[in-house]
Amino acid sequence: LLFSQMTRLIDLLEIYLTLNDYKYLRLDGTTKTDQRGTLLKQFNEPDSPYFMFLLSTRAGGLGLNLQTADTVIIFDSDWNPQMDQQAEDRAHRIGQKKEVRVFVLVSIGSVEEVILERAKQKMG
């Protein structure tokens, strides 16, 4: 699972995945409600051919069960740490059989690093 706040970034990742013949799914704010269930089913199927599920943090962070994923990548953190936690929780579901690895991408020495450290302290 790869979460990003910016749909333009997701567009760029789609180009990369397509050029390298990786199968992927995408869910963002433009995804129709009736399509969401189909996407989840396709990703969670046994032996699913999909390498990656690209999700916008706000659209894909709540209420989705993606327990077949074992890796969560937060490409760009939300300033609200609860949103990142919700995104991580998409893979931590009943039925998860693997250890879930979470990667949060942060530029060293950036303002983002300071803000995320403060957010982490607030979360306890």
PDB file of N, CA and C in Angstrom:
ATOM      1  N   LEU A   1       0.851  -1.171   0.000  1.00  0.00           N
ATOM      2  CA  LEU A   1       0.000   0.000   0.000  1.00  0.00           C
ATOM      3  C   LEU A   1       0.891   1.225   0.000  1.00  0.00           C
ATOM      4  N   LEU A   2       0.639   2.157  -0.888  1.00  0.00           N
ATOM      5  CA  LEU A   2       1.377   3.404  -0.891  1.00  0.00           C
ATOM      6  C   LEU A   2       0.384   4.544  -0.769  1.00  0.00           C
ATOM      7  N   PHE A   3       0.538   5.326   0.303  1.00  0.00           N
ATOM      8  CA  PHE A   3      -0.349   6.448   0.574  1.00  0.00           C
ATOM      9  C   PHE A   3       0.347   7.761   0.264  1.00  0.00           C
ATOM     10  N   SER A   4      -0.373   8.666  -0.385  1.00  0.00           N
ATOM     11  CA  SER A   4       0.118  10.019  -0.633  1.00  0.00           C
ATOM     12  C   SER A   4      -1.055  10.979  -0.528  1.00  0.00           C
ATOM     13  N   GLN A   5      -0.767  12.185  -0.072  1.00  0.00           N
ATOM     14  CA  GLN A   5      -1.796  13.222  -0.023  1.00  0.00           C
ATOM     15  C   GLN A   5      -2.034  13.837  -1.397  1.00  0.00           C
ATOM     16  N   MET A   6      -1.007  13.782  -2.240  1.00  0.00           N
ATOM     17  CA  MET A   6      -1.042  14.502  -3.515  1.00  0.00           C
ATOM     18  C   MET A   6      -1.377  13.562  -4.669  1.00  0.00           C
ATOM     19  N   THR A   7      -2.511  13.798  -5.306  1.00  0.00           N
ATOM     20  CA  THR A   7      -2.904  12.939  -6.419  1.00  0.00           C
ATOM     21  C   THR A   7      -1.959  13.108  -7.606  1.00  0.00           C
ATOM     22  N   ARG A   8      -1.336  14.264  -7.729  1.00  0.00           N
ATOM     23  CA  ARG A   8      -0.363  14.458  -8.823  1.00  0.00           C
ATOM     24  C   ARG A   8       0.824  13.511  -8.644  1.00  0.00           C
ATOM     25  N   LEU A   9       1.248  13.315  -7.413  1.00  0.00           N
ATOM     26  CA  LEU A   9       2.326  12.361  -7.143  1.00  0.00           C
ATOM     27  C   LEU A   9       1.869  10.943  -7.503  1.00  0.00           C
ATOM     28  N   ILE A  10       0.633  10.622  -7.164  1.00  0.00           N
ATOM     29  CA  ILE A  10       0.089   9.305  -7.517  1.00  0.00           C
ATOM     30  C   ILE A  10       0.073   9.141  -9.039  1.00  0.00           C
ATOM     31  N   ASP A  11      -0.241  10.229  -9.766  1.00  0.00           N
ATOM     32  CA  ASP A  11      -0.196  10.187 -11.231  1.00  0.00           C
ATOM     33  C   ASP A  11       1.204   9.800 -11.716  1.00  0.00           C
ATOM     34  N   LEU A  12       2.231  10.410 -11.122  1.00  0.00           N
ATOM     35  CA  LEU A  12       3.616  10.118 -11.515  1.00  0.00           C
ATOM     36  C   LEU A  12       3.997   8.677 -11.185  1.00  0.00           C
ATOM     37  N   LEU A  13       3.561   8.199 -10.030  1.00  0.00           N
ATOM     38  CA  LEU A  13       3.843   6.812  -9.655  1.00  0.00           C
ATOM     39  C   LEU A  13       3.151   5.840 -10.609  1.00  0.00           C
ATOM     40  N   GLU A  14       1.955   6.205 -11.057  1.00  0.00           N
ATOM     41  CA  GLU A  14       1.247   5.374 -12.042  1.00  0.00           C
ATOM     42  C   GLU A  14       2.064   5.238 -13.324  1.00  0.00           C
ATOM     43  N   ILE A  15       2.639   6.338 -13.773  1.00  0.00           N
ATOM     44  CA  ILE A  15       3.463   6.303 -14.986  1.00  0.00           C
ATOM     45  C   ILE A  15       4.641   5.356 -14.786  1.00  0.00           C
ATOM     46  N   TYR A  16       5.313   5.484 -13.648  1.00  0.00           N
ATOM     47  CA  TYR A  16       6.459   4.623 -13.354  1.00  0.00           C
ATOM     48  C   TYR A  16       6.052   3.147 -13.338  1.00  0.00           C
ATOM     49  N   LEU A  17       4.975   2.838 -12.635  1.00  0.00           N
ATOM     50  CA  LEU A  17       4.527   1.449 -12.528  1.00  0.00           C
ATOM     51  C   LEU A  17       4.139   0.886 -13.895  1.00  0.00           C
ATOM     52  N   THR A  18       3.465   1.696 -14.693  1.00  0.00           N
ATOM     53  CA  THR A  18       3.055   1.269 -16.034  1.00  0.00           C
ATOM     54  C   THR A  18       4.272   1.011 -16.918  1.00  0.00           C
ATOM     55  N   LEU A  19       5.237   1.931 -16.900  1.00  0.00           N
ATOM     56  CA  LEU A  19       6.445   1.772 -17.723  1.00  0.00           C
ATOM     57  C   LEU A  19       7.239   0.528 -17.348  1.00  0.00           C
ATOM     58  N   ASN A  20       7.139   0.107 -16.090  1.00  0.00           N
ATOM     59  CA  ASN A  20       7.885  -1.055 -15.615  1.00  0.00           C
ATOM     60  C   ASN A  20       7.026  -2.315 -15.512  1.00  0.00           C
ATOM     61  N   ASP A  21       5.842  -2.267 -16.115  1.00  0.00           N
ATOM     62  CA  ASP A  21       4.934  -3.415 -16.188  1.00  0.00           C
ATOM     63  C   ASP A  21       4.533  -3.982 -14.831  1.00  0.00           C
ATOM     64  N   TYR A  22       4.375  -3.103 -13.833  1.00  0.00           N
ATOM     65  CA  TYR A  22       3.856  -3.528 -12.533  1.00  0.00           C
ATOM     66  C   TYR A  22       2.343  -3.351 -12.547  1.00  0.00           C
ATOM     67  N   LYS A  23       1.635  -4.366 -12.095  1.00  0.00           N
ATOM     68  CA  LYS A  23       0.176  -4.247 -11.983  1.00  0.00           C
ATOM     69  C   LYS A  23      -0.147  -3.524 -10.680  1.00  0.00           C
ATOM     70  N   TYR A  24      -1.078  -2.587 -10.747  1.00  0.00           N
ATOM     71  CA  TYR A  24      -1.424  -1.791  -9.572  1.00  0.00           C
ATOM     72  C   TYR A  24      -2.901  -1.413  -9.625  1.00  0.00           C
ATOM     73  N   LEU A  25      -3.386  -0.964  -8.490  1.00  0.00           N
ATOM     74  CA  LEU A  25      -4.732  -0.407  -8.382  1.00  0.00           C
ATOM     75  C   LEU A  25      -4.600   0.991  -7.798  1.00  0.00           C
ATOM     76  N   ARG A  26      -5.614   1.808  -8.013  1.00  0.00           N
ATOM     77  CA  ARG A  26      -5.584   3.184  -7.501  1.00  0.00           C
ATOM     78  C   ARG A  26      -6.942   3.541  -6.910  1.00  0.00           C
ATOM     79  N   LEU A  27      -6.885   4.200  -5.754  1.00  0.00           N
ATOM     80  CA  LEU A  27      -8.098   4.699  -5.117  1.00  0.00           C
ATOM     81  C   LEU A  27      -7.804   6.104  -4.616  1.00  0.00           C
ATOM     82  N   ASP A  28      -8.600   7.066  -5.086  1.00  0.00           N
ATOM     83  CA  ASP A  28      -8.460   8.444  -4.614  1.00  0.00           C
ATOM     84  C   ASP A  28      -9.844   9.073  -4.531  1.00  0.00           C
ATOM     85  N   GLY A  29      -9.885  10.361  -4.343  1.00  0.00           N
ATOM     86  CA  GLY A  29     -11.161  11.049  -4.171  1.00  0.00           C
ATOM     87  C   GLY A  29     -12.073  10.984  -5.377  1.00  0.00           C
ATOM     88  N   THR A  30     -11.536  10.666  -6.547  1.00  0.00           N
ATOM     89  CA  THR A  30     -12.367  10.576  -7.750  1.00  0.00           C
ATOM     90  C   THR A  30     -12.956   9.180  -7.950  1.00  0.00           C
ATOM     91  N   THR A  31     -12.524   8.217  -7.139  1.00  0.00           N
ATOM     92  CA  THR A  31     -13.025   6.843  -7.256  1.00  0.00           C
ATOM     93  C   THR A  31     -14.471   6.787  -6.775  1.00  0.00           C
ATOM     94  N   LYS A  32     -15.346   6.275  -7.616  1.00  0.00           N
ATOM     95  CA  LYS A  32     -16.760   6.191  -7.256  1.00  0.00           C
ATOM     96  C   LYS A  32     -16.962   5.167  -6.145  1.00  0.00           C
ATOM     97  N   THR A  33     -17.940   5.419  -5.310  1.00  0.00           N
ATOM     98  CA  THR A  33     -18.226   4.565  -4.161  1.00  0.00           C
ATOM     99  C   THR A  33     -18.429   3.114  -4.569  1.00  0.00           C
ATOM    100  N   ASP A  34     -19.164   2.875  -5.653  1.00  0.00           N
ATOM    101  CA  ASP A  34     -19.426   1.495  -6.068  1.00  0.00           C
ATOM    102  C   ASP A  34     -18.181   0.799  -6.625  1.00  0.00           C
ATOM    103  N   GLN A  35     -17.160   1.553  -7.015  1.00  0.00           N
ATOM    104  CA  GLN A  35     -15.913   0.963  -7.509  1.00  0.00           C
ATOM    105  C   GLN A  35     -14.990   0.536  -6.364  1.00  0.00           C
ATOM    106  N   ARG A  36     -15.125   1.171  -5.213  1.00  0.00           N
ATOM    107  CA  ARG A  36     -14.224   0.894  -4.088  1.00  0.00           C
ATOM    108  C   ARG A  36     -14.257  -0.577  -3.680  1.00  0.00           C
ATOM    109  N   GLY A  37     -15.446  -1.125  -3.541  1.00  0.00           N
ATOM    110  CA  GLY A  37     -15.579  -2.526  -3.148  1.00  0.00           C
ATOM    111  C   GLY A  37     -14.920  -3.466  -4.142  1.00  0.00           C
ATOM    112  N   THR A  38     -15.082  -3.163  -5.427  1.00  0.00           N
ATOM    113  CA  THR A  38     -14.461  -3.982  -6.471  1.00  0.00           C
ATOM    114  C   THR A  38     -12.941  -3.925  -6.366  1.00  0.00           C
ATOM    115  N   LEU A  39     -12.391  -2.726  -6.159  1.00  0.00           N
ATOM    116  CA  LEU A  39     -10.938  -2.577  -6.029  1.00  0.00           C
ATOM    117  C   LEU A  39     -10.412  -3.359  -4.829  1.00  0.00           C
ATOM    118  N   LEU A  40     -11.112  -3.252  -3.696  1.00  0.00           N
ATOM    119  CA  LEU A  40     -10.689  -3.972  -2.492  1.00  0.00           C
ATOM    120  C   LEU A  40     -10.710  -5.480  -2.727  1.00  0.00           C
ATOM    121  N   LYS A  41     -11.766  -5.943  -3.361  1.00  0.00           N
ATOM    122  CA  LYS A  41     -11.881  -7.380  -3.635  1.00  0.00           C
ATOM    123  C   LYS A  41     -10.744  -7.844  -4.544  1.00  0.00           C
ATOM    124  N   GLN A  42     -10.451  -7.080  -5.585  1.00  0.00           N
ATOM    125  CA  GLN A  42      -9.372  -7.445  -6.507  1.00  0.00           C
ATOM    126  C   GLN A  42      -8.030  -7.515  -5.782  1.00  0.00           C
ATOM    127  N   PHE A  43      -7.764  -6.551  -4.921  1.00  0.00           N
ATOM    128  CA  PHE A  43      -6.476  -6.520  -4.222  1.00  0.00           C
ATOM    129  C   PHE A  43      -6.366  -7.644  -3.198  1.00  0.00           C
ATOM    130  N   ASN A  44      -7.457  -7.932  -2.500  1.00  0.00           N
ATOM    131  CA  ASN A  44      -7.436  -8.921  -1.419  1.00  0.00           C
ATOM    132  C   ASN A  44      -7.601 -10.366  -1.886  1.00  0.00           C
ATOM    133  N   GLU A  45      -7.863 -10.585  -3.172  1.00  0.00           N
ATOM    134  CA  GLU A  45      -8.028 -11.955  -3.671  1.00  0.00           C
ATOM    135  C   GLU A  45      -6.756 -12.765  -3.447  1.00  0.00           C
ATOM    136  N   PRO A  46      -6.915 -14.058  -3.124  1.00  0.00           N
ATOM    137  CA  PRO A  46      -5.721 -14.915  -3.047  1.00  0.00           C
ATOM    138  C   PRO A  46      -5.003 -14.892  -4.406  1.00  0.00           C
ATOM    139  N   ASP A  47      -3.704 -14.848  -4.369  1.00  0.00           N
ATOM    140  CA  ASP A  47      -2.890 -14.791  -5.592  1.00  0.00           C
ATOM    141  C   ASP A  47      -3.215 -13.581  -6.469  1.00  0.00           C
ATOM    142  N   SER A  48      -3.578 -12.472  -5.837  1.00  0.00           N
ATOM    143  CA  SER A  48      -3.843 -11.239  -6.580  1.00  0.00           C
ATOM    144  C   SER A  48      -2.606 -10.850  -7.386  1.00  0.00           C
ATOM    145  N   PRO A  49      -2.781 -10.462  -8.636  1.00  0.00           N
ATOM    146  CA  PRO A  49      -1.630 -10.093  -9.464  1.00  0.00           C
ATOM    147  C   PRO A  49      -1.119  -8.674  -9.203  1.00  0.00           C
ATOM    148  N   TYR A  50      -1.787  -7.952  -8.306  1.00  0.00           N
ATOM    149  CA  TYR A  50      -1.454  -6.541  -8.123  1.00  0.00           C
ATOM    150  C   TYR A  50      -0.269  -6.349  -7.191  1.00  0.00           C
ATOM    151  N   PHE A  51       0.738  -5.650  -7.697  1.00  0.00           N
ATOM    152  CA  PHE A  51       1.975  -5.370  -6.978  1.00  0.00           C
ATOM    153  C   PHE A  51       1.776  -4.258  -5.952  1.00  0.00           C
ATOM    154  N   MET A  52       0.946  -3.279  -6.293  1.00  0.00           N
ATOM    155  CA  MET A  52       0.807  -2.111  -5.432  1.00  0.00           C
ATOM    156  C   MET A  52      -0.608  -1.554  -5.507  1.00  0.00           C
ATOM    157  N   PHE A  53      -1.017  -0.966  -4.379  1.00  0.00           N
ATOM    158  CA  PHE A  53      -2.282  -0.249  -4.315  1.00  0.00           C
ATOM    159  C   PHE A  53      -1.930   1.185  -3.960  1.00  0.00           C
ATOM    160  N   LEU A  54      -2.178   2.105  -4.888  1.00  0.00           N
ATOM    161  CA  LEU A  54      -1.925   3.527  -4.675  1.00  0.00           C
ATOM    162  C   LEU A  54      -3.183   4.145  -4.085  1.00  0.00           C
ATOM    163  N   LEU A  55      -3.028   4.833  -2.956  1.00  0.00           N
ATOM    164  CA  LEU A  55      -4.191   5.404  -2.280  1.00  0.00           C
ATOM    165  C   LEU A  55      -3.910   6.837  -1.855  1.00  0.00           C
ATOM    166  N   SER A  56      -4.887   7.709  -2.051  1.00  0.00           N
ATOM    167  CA  SER A  56      -4.742   9.040  -1.466  1.00  0.00           C
ATOM    168  C   SER A  56      -5.056   8.893   0.020  1.00  0.00           C
ATOM    169  N   THR A  57      -4.298   9.578   0.845  1.00  0.00           N
ATOM    170  CA  THR A  57      -4.407   9.407   2.296  1.00  0.00           C
ATOM    171  C   THR A  57      -5.816   9.684   2.793  1.00  0.00           C
ATOM    172  N   ARG A  58      -6.425  10.741   2.325  1.00  0.00           N
ATOM    173  CA  ARG A  58      -7.762  11.106   2.814  1.00  0.00           C
ATOM    174  C   ARG A  58      -8.840  10.153   2.300  1.00  0.00           C
ATOM    175  N   ALA A  59      -8.762   9.751   1.044  1.00  0.00           N
ATOM    176  CA  ALA A  59      -9.793   8.861   0.487  1.00  0.00           C
ATOM    177  C   ALA A  59      -9.593   7.418   0.913  1.00  0.00           C
ATOM    178  N   GLY A  60      -8.341   6.991   1.066  1.00  0.00           N
ATOM    179  CA  GLY A  60      -8.070   5.590   1.352  1.00  0.00           C
ATOM    180  C   GLY A  60      -7.713   5.291   2.783  1.00  0.00           C
ATOM    181  N   GLY A  61      -7.692   6.306   3.620  1.00  0.00           N
ATOM    182  CA  GLY A  61      -7.236   6.100   4.987  1.00  0.00           C
ATOM    183  C   GLY A  61      -8.281   5.593   5.952  1.00  0.00           C
ATOM    184  N   LEU A  62      -9.544   5.671   5.600  1.00  0.00           N
ATOM    185  CA  LEU A  62     -10.603   5.308   6.544  1.00  0.00           C
ATOM    186  C   LEU A  62     -11.471   4.173   6.020  1.00  0.00           C
ATOM    187  N   GLY A  63     -11.734   3.219   6.878  1.00  0.00           N
ATOM    188  CA  GLY A  63     -12.741   2.201   6.620  1.00  0.00           C
ATOM    189  C   GLY A  63     -12.429   1.144   5.583  1.00  0.00           C
ATOM    190  N   LEU A  64     -11.205   1.040   5.139  1.00  0.00           N
ATOM    191  CA  LEU A  64     -10.865   0.032   4.142  1.00  0.00           C
ATOM    192  C   LEU A  64     -10.143  -1.132   4.793  1.00  0.00           C
ATOM    193  N   ASN A  65     -10.492  -2.345   4.390  1.00  0.00           N
ATOM    194  CA  ASN A  65      -9.816  -3.541   4.895  1.00  0.00           C
ATOM    195  C   ASN A  65      -8.868  -4.057   3.822  1.00  0.00           C
ATOM    196  N   LEU A  66      -7.587  -3.872   4.072  1.00  0.00           N
ATOM    197  CA  LEU A  66      -6.560  -4.314   3.131  1.00  0.00           C
ATOM    198  C   LEU A  66      -5.588  -5.230   3.852  1.00  0.00           C
ATOM    199  N   GLN A  67      -6.158  -6.231   4.524  1.00  0.00           N
ATOM    200  CA  GLN A  67      -5.382  -7.116   5.387  1.00  0.00           C
ATOM    201  C   GLN A  67      -4.444  -8.046   4.631  1.00  0.00           C
ATOM    202  N   THR A  68      -4.525  -8.092   3.319  1.00  0.00           N
ATOM    203  CA  THR A  68      -3.589  -8.926   2.573  1.00  0.00           C
ATOM    204  C   THR A  68      -2.267  -8.206   2.313  1.00  0.00           C
ATOM    205  N   ALA A  69      -2.219  -6.912   2.581  1.00  0.00           N
ATOM    206  CA  ALA A  69      -0.977  -6.148   2.394  1.00  0.00           C
ATOM    207  C   ALA A  69      -0.070  -6.345   3.596  1.00  0.00           C
ATOM    208  N   ASP A  70       1.226  -6.449   3.338  1.00  0.00           N
ATOM    209  CA  ASP A  70       2.170  -6.560   4.447  1.00  0.00           C
ATOM    210  C   ASP A  70       3.156  -5.394   4.488  1.00  0.00           C
ATOM    211  N   THR A  71       3.005  -4.450   3.564  1.00  0.00           N
ATOM    212  CA  THR A  71       3.871  -3.273   3.543  1.00  0.00           C
ATOM    213  C   THR A  71       3.019  -2.030   3.334  1.00  0.00           C
ATOM    214  N   VAL A  72       3.249  -1.025   4.176  1.00  0.00           N
ATOM    215  CA  VAL A  72       2.566   0.259   4.061  1.00  0.00           C
ATOM    216  C   VAL A  72       3.643   1.325   3.905  1.00  0.00           C
ATOM    217  N   ILE A  73       3.522   2.141   2.866  1.00  0.00           N
ATOM    218  CA  ILE A  73       4.457   3.240   2.644  1.00  0.00           C
ATOM    219  C   ILE A  73       3.674   4.543   2.723  1.00  0.00           C
ATOM    220  N   ILE A  74       4.078   5.402   3.651  1.00  0.00           N
ATOM    221  CA  ILE A  74       3.505   6.747   3.744  1.00  0.00           C
ATOM    222  C   ILE A  74       4.473   7.645   2.979  1.00  0.00           C
ATOM    223  N   PHE A  75       4.130   8.009   1.759  1.00  0.00           N
ATOM    224  CA  PHE A  75       5.054   8.759   0.910  1.00  0.00           C
ATOM    225  C   PHE A  75       5.229  10.185   1.400  1.00  0.00           C
ATOM    226  N   ASP A  76       4.131  10.810   1.789  1.00  0.00           N
ATOM    227  CA  ASP A  76       4.182  12.164   2.340  1.00  0.00           C
ATOM    228  C   ASP A  76       3.171  12.233   3.475  1.00  0.00           C
ATOM    229  N   SER A  77       3.662  12.483   4.648  1.00  0.00           N
ATOM    230  CA  SER A  77       2.822  12.435   5.846  1.00  0.00           C
ATOM    231  C   SER A  77       1.803  13.561   5.883  1.00  0.00           C
ATOM    232  N   ASP A  78       0.691  13.243   6.493  1.00  0.00           N
ATOM    233  CA  ASP A  78      -0.321  14.240   6.796  1.00  0.00           C
ATOM    234  C   ASP A  78       0.129  14.963   8.056  1.00  0.00           C
ATOM    235  N   TRP A  79      -0.174  16.231   8.178  1.00  0.00           N
ATOM    236  CA  TRP A  79       0.223  16.966   9.389  1.00  0.00           C
ATOM    237  C   TRP A  79      -0.588  16.506  10.591  1.00  0.00           C
ATOM    238  N   ASN A  80      -1.687  15.847  10.347  1.00  0.00           N
ATOM    239  CA  ASN A  80      -2.474  15.259  11.427  1.00  0.00           C
ATOM    240  C   ASN A  80      -2.009  13.808  11.591  1.00  0.00           C
ATOM    241  N   PRO A  81      -1.310  13.496  12.689  1.00  0.00           N
ATOM    242  CA  PRO A  81      -0.779  12.137  12.848  1.00  0.00           C
ATOM    243  C   PRO A  81      -1.857  11.060  12.870  1.00  0.00           C
ATOM    244  N   GLN A  82      -3.083  11.421  13.211  1.00  0.00           N
ATOM    245  CA  GLN A  82      -4.180  10.449  13.208  1.00  0.00           C
ATOM    246  C   GLN A  82      -4.448   9.923  11.797  1.00  0.00           C
ATOM    247  N   MET A  83      -4.267  10.777  10.791  1.00  0.00           N
ATOM    248  CA  MET A  83      -4.501  10.346   9.406  1.00  0.00           C
ATOM    249  C   MET A  83      -3.476   9.293   8.987  1.00  0.00           C
ATOM    250  N   ASP A  84      -2.213   9.503   9.354  1.00  0.00           N
ATOM    251  CA  ASP A  84      -1.188   8.505   9.037  1.00  0.00           C
ATOM    252  C   ASP A  84      -1.471   7.202   9.774  1.00  0.00           C
ATOM    253  N   GLN A  85      -1.908   7.307  11.020  1.00  0.00           N
ATOM    254  CA  GLN A  85      -2.217   6.108  11.804  1.00  0.00           C
ATOM    255  C   GLN A  85      -3.364   5.330  11.164  1.00  0.00           C
ATOM    256  N   GLN A  86      -4.380   6.058  10.702  1.00  0.00           N
ATOM    257  CA  GLN A  86      -5.500   5.403  10.020  1.00  0.00           C
ATOM    258  C   GLN A  86      -5.019   4.679   8.764  1.00  0.00           C
ATOM    259  N   ALA A  87      -4.109   5.317   8.024  1.00  0.00           N
ATOM    260  CA  ALA A  87      -3.571   4.687   6.815  1.00  0.00           C
ATOM    261  C   ALA A  87      -2.829   3.399   7.172  1.00  0.00           C
ATOM    262  N   GLU A  88      -2.002   3.457   8.211  1.00  0.00           N
ATOM    263  CA  GLU A  88      -1.266   2.266   8.651  1.00  0.00           C
ATOM    264  C   GLU A  88      -2.222   1.148   9.055  1.00  0.00           C
ATOM    265  N   ASP A  89      -3.314   1.530   9.683  1.00  0.00           N
ATOM    266  CA  ASP A  89      -4.270   0.545  10.190  1.00  0.00           C
ATOM    267  C   ASP A  89      -5.011  -0.213   9.088  1.00  0.00           C
ATOM    268  N   ARG A  90      -4.926   0.243   7.832  1.00  0.00           N
ATOM    269  CA  ARG A  90      -5.596  -0.468   6.731  1.00  0.00           C
ATOM    270  C   ARG A  90      -5.063  -1.890   6.605  1.00  0.00           C
ATOM    271  N   ALA A  91      -3.784  -2.100   6.930  1.00  0.00           N
ATOM    272  CA  ALA A  91      -3.196  -3.444   6.820  1.00  0.00           C
ATOM    273  C   ALA A  91      -3.281  -4.215   8.130  1.00  0.00           C
ATOM    274  N   HIS A  92      -3.399  -3.519   9.251  1.00  0.00           N
ATOM    275  CA  HIS A  92      -3.497  -4.171  10.565  1.00  0.00           C
ATOM    276  C   HIS A  92      -4.960  -4.518  10.827  1.00  0.00           C
ATOM    277  N   ARG A  93      -5.438  -5.576  10.207  1.00  0.00           N
ATOM    278  CA  ARG A  93      -6.835  -5.979  10.301  1.00  0.00           C
ATOM    279  C   ARG A  93      -6.934  -7.442  10.689  1.00  0.00           C
ATOM    280  N   ILE A  94      -8.130  -7.818  11.148  1.00  0.00           N
ATOM    281  CA  ILE A  94      -8.396  -9.234  11.410  1.00  0.00           C
ATOM    282  C   ILE A  94      -8.210  -9.980  10.094  1.00  0.00           C
ATOM    283  N   GLY A  95      -7.499 -11.070  10.141  1.00  0.00           N
ATOM    284  CA  GLY A  95      -7.208 -11.836   8.934  1.00  0.00           C
ATOM    285  C   GLY A  95      -5.792 -11.612   8.427  1.00  0.00           C
ATOM    286  N   GLN A  96      -5.094 -10.636   9.006  1.00  0.00           N
ATOM    287  CA  GLN A  96      -3.700 -10.390   8.611  1.00  0.00           C
ATOM    288  C   GLN A  96      -2.850 -11.554   9.085  1.00  0.00           C
ATOM    289  N   LYS A  97      -2.125 -12.161   8.179  1.00  0.00           N
ATOM    290  CA  LYS A  97      -1.331 -13.337   8.520  1.00  0.00           C
ATOM    291  C   LYS A  97       0.165 -13.051   8.554  1.00  0.00           C
ATOM    292  N   LYS A  98       0.559 -11.866   8.132  1.00  0.00           N
ATOM    293  CA  LYS A  98       1.979 -11.532   8.051  1.00  0.00           C
ATOM    294  C   LYS A  98       2.303 -10.345   8.958  1.00  0.00           C
ATOM    295  N   GLU A  99       3.586 -10.188   9.230  1.00  0.00           N
ATOM    296  CA  GLU A  99       4.035  -8.993   9.939  1.00  0.00           C
ATOM    297  C   GLU A  99       3.919  -7.811   8.978  1.00  0.00           C
ATOM    298  N   VAL A 100       3.354  -6.716   9.462  1.00  0.00           N
ATOM    299  CA  VAL A 100       3.175  -5.532   8.626  1.00  0.00           C
ATOM    300  C   VAL A 100       4.350  -4.582   8.845  1.00  0.00           C
ATOM    301  N   ARG A 101       4.986  -4.199   7.750  1.00  0.00           N
ATOM    302  CA  ARG A 101       6.080  -3.229   7.803  1.00  0.00           C
ATOM    303  C   ARG A 101       5.551  -1.883   7.344  1.00  0.00           C
ATOM    304  N   VAL A 102       5.903  -0.826   8.096  1.00  0.00           N
ATOM    305  CA  VAL A 102       5.457   0.524   7.768  1.00  0.00           C
ATOM    306  C   VAL A 102       6.683   1.394   7.537  1.00  0.00           C
ATOM    307  N   PHE A 103       6.707   2.066   6.397  1.00  0.00           N
ATOM    308  CA  PHE A 103       7.789   2.984   6.054  1.00  0.00           C
ATOM    309  C   PHE A 103       7.195   4.379   5.890  1.00  0.00           C
ATOM    310  N   VAL A 104       7.753   5.338   6.595  1.00  0.00           N
ATOM    311  CA  VAL A 104       7.341   6.731   6.462  1.00  0.00           C
ATOM    312  C   VAL A 104       8.517   7.466   5.834  1.00  0.00           C
ATOM    313  N   LEU A 105       8.320   8.008   4.643  1.00  0.00           N
ATOM    314  CA  LEU A 105       9.400   8.684   3.932  1.00  0.00           C
ATOM    315  C   LEU A 105       9.483  10.138   4.392  1.00  0.00           C
ATOM    316  N   VAL A 106      10.665  10.528   4.865  1.00  0.00           N
ATOM    317  CA  VAL A 106      10.884  11.880   5.381  1.00  0.00           C
ATOM    318  C   VAL A 106      12.262  12.345   4.926  1.00  0.00           C
ATOM    319  N   SER A 107      12.357  13.586   4.479  1.00  0.00           N
ATOM    320  CA  SER A 107      13.655  14.158   4.110  1.00  0.00           C
ATOM    321  C   SER A 107      14.398  14.574   5.368  1.00  0.00           C
ATOM    322  N   ILE A 108      15.639  14.119   5.495  1.00  0.00           N
ATOM    323  CA  ILE A 108      16.461  14.447   6.662  1.00  0.00           C
ATOM    324  C   ILE A 108      16.780  15.937   6.654  1.00  0.00           C
ATOM    325  N   GLY A 109      16.674  16.548   7.832  1.00  0.00           N
ATOM    326  CA  GLY A 109      17.004  17.960   7.981  1.00  0.00           C
ATOM    327  C   GLY A 109      15.942  18.903   7.448  1.00  0.00           C
ATOM    328  N   SER A 110      14.759  18.390   7.187  1.00  0.00           N
ATOM    329  CA  SER A 110      13.693  19.223   6.623  1.00  0.00           C
ATOM    330  C   SER A 110      12.743  19.705   7.714  1.00  0.00           C
ATOM    331  N   VAL A 111      11.935  20.692   7.366  1.00  0.00           N
ATOM    332  CA  VAL A 111      10.883  21.164   8.267  1.00  0.00           C
ATOM    333  C   VAL A 111       9.920  20.020   8.550  1.00  0.00           C
ATOM    334  N   GLU A 112       9.664  19.210   7.541  1.00  0.00           N
ATOM    335  CA  GLU A 112       8.774  18.058   7.691  1.00  0.00           C
ATOM    336  C   GLU A 112       9.255  17.139   8.815  1.00  0.00           C
ATOM    337  N   GLU A 113      10.553  16.929   8.891  1.00  0.00           N
ATOM    338  CA  GLU A 113      11.113  16.064   9.925  1.00  0.00           C
ATOM    339  C   GLU A 113      10.791  16.606  11.319  1.00  0.00           C
ATOM    340  N   VAL A 114      10.922  17.911  11.508  1.00  0.00           N
ATOM    341  CA  VAL A 114      10.636  18.546  12.803  1.00  0.00           C
ATOM    342  C   VAL A 114       9.150  18.430  13.131  1.00  0.00           C
ATOM    343  N   ILE A 115       8.308  18.719  12.159  1.00  0.00           N
ATOM    344  CA  ILE A 115       6.860  18.668  12.386  1.00  0.00           C
ATOM    345  C   ILE A 115       6.417  17.248  12.721  1.00  0.00           C
ATOM    346  N   LEU A 116       6.943  16.257  12.005  1.00  0.00           N
ATOM    347  CA  LEU A 116       6.556  14.871  12.269  1.00  0.00           C
ATOM    348  C   LEU A 116       7.043  14.400  13.632  1.00  0.00           C
ATOM    349  N   GLU A 117       8.201  14.868  14.053  1.00  0.00           N
ATOM    350  CA  GLU A 117       8.704  14.513  15.385  1.00  0.00           C
ATOM    351  C   GLU A 117       7.777  15.076  16.464  1.00  0.00           C
ATOM    352  N   ARG A 118       7.328  16.299  16.284  1.00  0.00           N
ATOM    353  CA  ARG A 118       6.387  16.898  17.251  1.00  0.00           C
ATOM    354  C   ARG A 118       5.053  16.159  17.249  1.00  0.00           C
ATOM    355  N   ALA A 119       4.593  15.792  16.075  1.00  0.00           N
ATOM    356  CA  ALA A 119       3.327  15.052  15.977  1.00  0.00           C
ATOM    357  C   ALA A 119       3.454  13.708  16.680  1.00  0.00           C
ATOM    358  N   LYS A 120       4.603  13.054  16.510  1.00  0.00           N
ATOM    359  CA  LYS A 120       4.838  11.762  17.159  1.00  0.00           C
ATOM    360  C   LYS A 120       4.821  11.908  18.677  1.00  0.00           C
ATOM    361  N   GLN A 121       5.394  12.987  19.182  1.00  0.00           N
ATOM    362  CA  GLN A 121       5.405  13.237  20.628  1.00  0.00           C
ATOM    363  C   GLN A 121       3.984  13.441  21.145  1.00  0.00           C
ATOM    364  N   LYS A 122       3.154  14.135  20.380  1.00  0.00           N
ATOM    365  CA  LYS A 122       1.764  14.362  20.782  1.00  0.00           C
ATOM    366  C   LYS A 122       0.987  13.054  20.864  1.00  0.00           C
ATOM    367  N   MET A 123       1.324  12.117  19.971  1.00  0.00           N
ATOM    368  CA  MET A 123       0.627  10.828  19.948  1.00  0.00           C
ATOM    369  C   MET A 123       1.025   9.957  21.137  1.00  0.00           C
ATOM    370  N   GLY A 124       2.138  10.306  21.766  1.00  0.00           N
ATOM    371  CA  GLY A 124       2.574   9.545  22.942  1.00  0.00           C
ATOM    372  C   GLY A 124       3.604   8.596  22.564  1.00  0.00           C
TER     373      GLY A 124
END
